[in-house]
Amino acid sequence: MTGVRAAFRGRGISLAMKTFGIGFAARCGVDRIRTVHHPANTAAIEMNRRLGYVDAPEQGG
């Protein structure tokens, strides 16, 4: 999970944190990473898409 204070947004900090975390997970042998975001946070959604994240299939009830 990443979060950047408003005054520091738009500088690529969240992307750097997320890619660092992905690299760390890979070094630890993790083969699957999940992410969550608020549905109105279009910047986070776009960043996740650029990194290759896809929506999970809908869960039936």
C-alpha atoms as a PDB file:
ATOM      1  CA  MET A   1       0.000   0.000   0.000  1.00  0.00           C
ATOM      2  CA  THR A   2       1.315   3.430  -0.851  1.00  0.00           C
ATOM      3  CA  GLY A   3       0.312   6.908   0.189  1.00  0.00           C
ATOM      4  CA  VAL A   4       1.827  10.301  -0.550  1.00  0.00           C
ATOM      5  CA  ARG A   5       0.942  13.562   1.147  1.00  0.00           C
ATOM      6  CA  ALA A   6      -0.842  16.030  -1.116  1.00  0.00           C
ATOM      7  CA  ALA A   7       2.082  18.488  -1.184  1.00  0.00           C
ATOM      8  CA  PHE A   8       4.345  15.797  -2.655  1.00  0.00           C
ATOM      9  CA  ARG A   9       2.026  14.207  -5.209  1.00  0.00           C
ATOM     10  CA  GLY A  10       2.846  14.275  -8.907  1.00  0.00           C
ATOM     11  CA  ARG A  11       6.559  13.583  -8.374  1.00  0.00           C
ATOM     12  CA  GLY A  12       6.550   9.840  -9.023  1.00  0.00           C
ATOM     13  CA  ILE A  13       6.991   8.970  -5.350  1.00  0.00           C
ATOM     14  CA  SER A  14       4.147   6.445  -5.184  1.00  0.00           C
ATOM     15  CA  LEU A  15       5.382   4.745  -8.359  1.00  0.00           C
ATOM     16  CA  ALA A  16       8.885   4.525  -6.875  1.00  0.00           C
ATOM     17  CA  MET A  17       7.540   3.072  -3.619  1.00  0.00           C
ATOM     18  CA  LYS A  18       5.356   0.573  -5.439  1.00  0.00           C
ATOM     19  CA  THR A  19       8.115  -0.629  -7.798  1.00  0.00           C
ATOM     20  CA  PHE A  20      10.531  -0.906  -4.861  1.00  0.00           C
ATOM     21  CA  GLY A  21       7.976  -3.065  -3.047  1.00  0.00           C
ATOM     22  CA  ILE A  22       7.456  -5.215  -6.137  1.00  0.00           C
ATOM     23  CA  GLY A  23      11.205  -5.751  -6.443  1.00  0.00           C
ATOM     24  CA  PHE A  24      11.493  -6.647  -2.770  1.00  0.00           C
ATOM     25  CA  ALA A  25       8.652  -9.135  -3.058  1.00  0.00           C
ATOM     26  CA  ALA A  26      10.298 -10.719  -6.098  1.00  0.00           C
ATOM     27  CA  ARG A  27      13.592 -11.104  -4.220  1.00  0.00           C
ATOM     28  CA  CYS A  28      11.651 -12.831  -1.445  1.00  0.00           C
ATOM     29  CA  GLY A  29      10.193 -15.334  -3.912  1.00  0.00           C
ATOM     30  CA  VAL A  30       6.664 -13.936  -4.024  1.00  0.00           C
ATOM     31  CA  ASP A  31       4.915 -14.909  -7.235  1.00  0.00           C
ATOM     32  CA  ARG A  32       1.625 -13.018  -6.827  1.00  0.00           C
ATOM     33  CA  ILE A  33       0.966  -9.491  -5.602  1.00  0.00           C
ATOM     34  CA  ARG A  34      -2.433  -7.933  -5.020  1.00  0.00           C
ATOM     35  CA  THR A  35      -3.264  -4.287  -4.707  1.00  0.00           C
ATOM     36  CA  VAL A  36      -6.326  -2.315  -3.683  1.00  0.00           C
ATOM     37  CA  HIS A  37      -7.381   1.242  -4.302  1.00  0.00           C
ATOM     38  CA  HIS A  38     -10.379   3.443  -3.720  1.00  0.00           C
ATOM     39  CA  PRO A  39     -12.613   3.276  -6.810  1.00  0.00           C
ATOM     40  CA  ALA A  40     -12.522   7.073  -7.157  1.00  0.00           C
ATOM     41  CA  ASN A  41      -8.714   7.262  -7.054  1.00  0.00           C
ATOM     42  CA  THR A  42      -8.119   7.346 -10.794  1.00  0.00           C
ATOM     43  CA  ALA A  43      -4.403   8.137 -10.398  1.00  0.00           C
ATOM     44  CA  ALA A  44      -3.831   4.970  -8.360  1.00  0.00           C
ATOM     45  CA  ILE A  45      -5.916   2.898 -10.770  1.00  0.00           C
ATOM     46  CA  GLU A  46      -3.934   4.198 -13.758  1.00  0.00           C
ATOM     47  CA  MET A  47      -0.615   3.544 -12.015  1.00  0.00           C
ATOM     48  CA  ASN A  48      -1.702  -0.007 -11.203  1.00  0.00           C
ATOM     49  CA  ARG A  49      -2.766  -0.573 -14.827  1.00  0.00           C
ATOM     50  CA  ARG A  50       0.615   0.690 -16.091  1.00  0.00           C
ATOM     51  CA  LEU A  51       2.290  -1.801 -13.760  1.00  0.00           C
ATOM     52  CA  GLY A  52       0.230  -4.644 -15.214  1.00  0.00           C
ATOM     53  CA  TYR A  53      -2.341  -5.144 -12.478  1.00  0.00           C
ATOM     54  CA  VAL A  54      -5.726  -6.394 -13.665  1.00  0.00           C
ATOM     55  CA  ASP A  55      -9.088  -6.552 -11.947  1.00  0.00           C
ATOM     56  CA  ALA A  56      -9.849  -9.733 -10.048  1.00  0.00           C
ATOM     57  CA  PRO A  57     -12.817 -11.719 -11.334  1.00  0.00           C
ATOM     58  CA  GLU A  58     -16.112 -10.910  -9.646  1.00  0.00           C
ATOM     59  CA  GLN A  59     -16.849 -13.220  -6.725  1.00  0.00           C
ATOM     60  CA  GLY A  60     -20.259 -14.863  -6.834  1.00  0.00           C
ATOM     61  CA  GLY A  61     -22.431 -14.828  -3.697  1.00  0.00           C
END
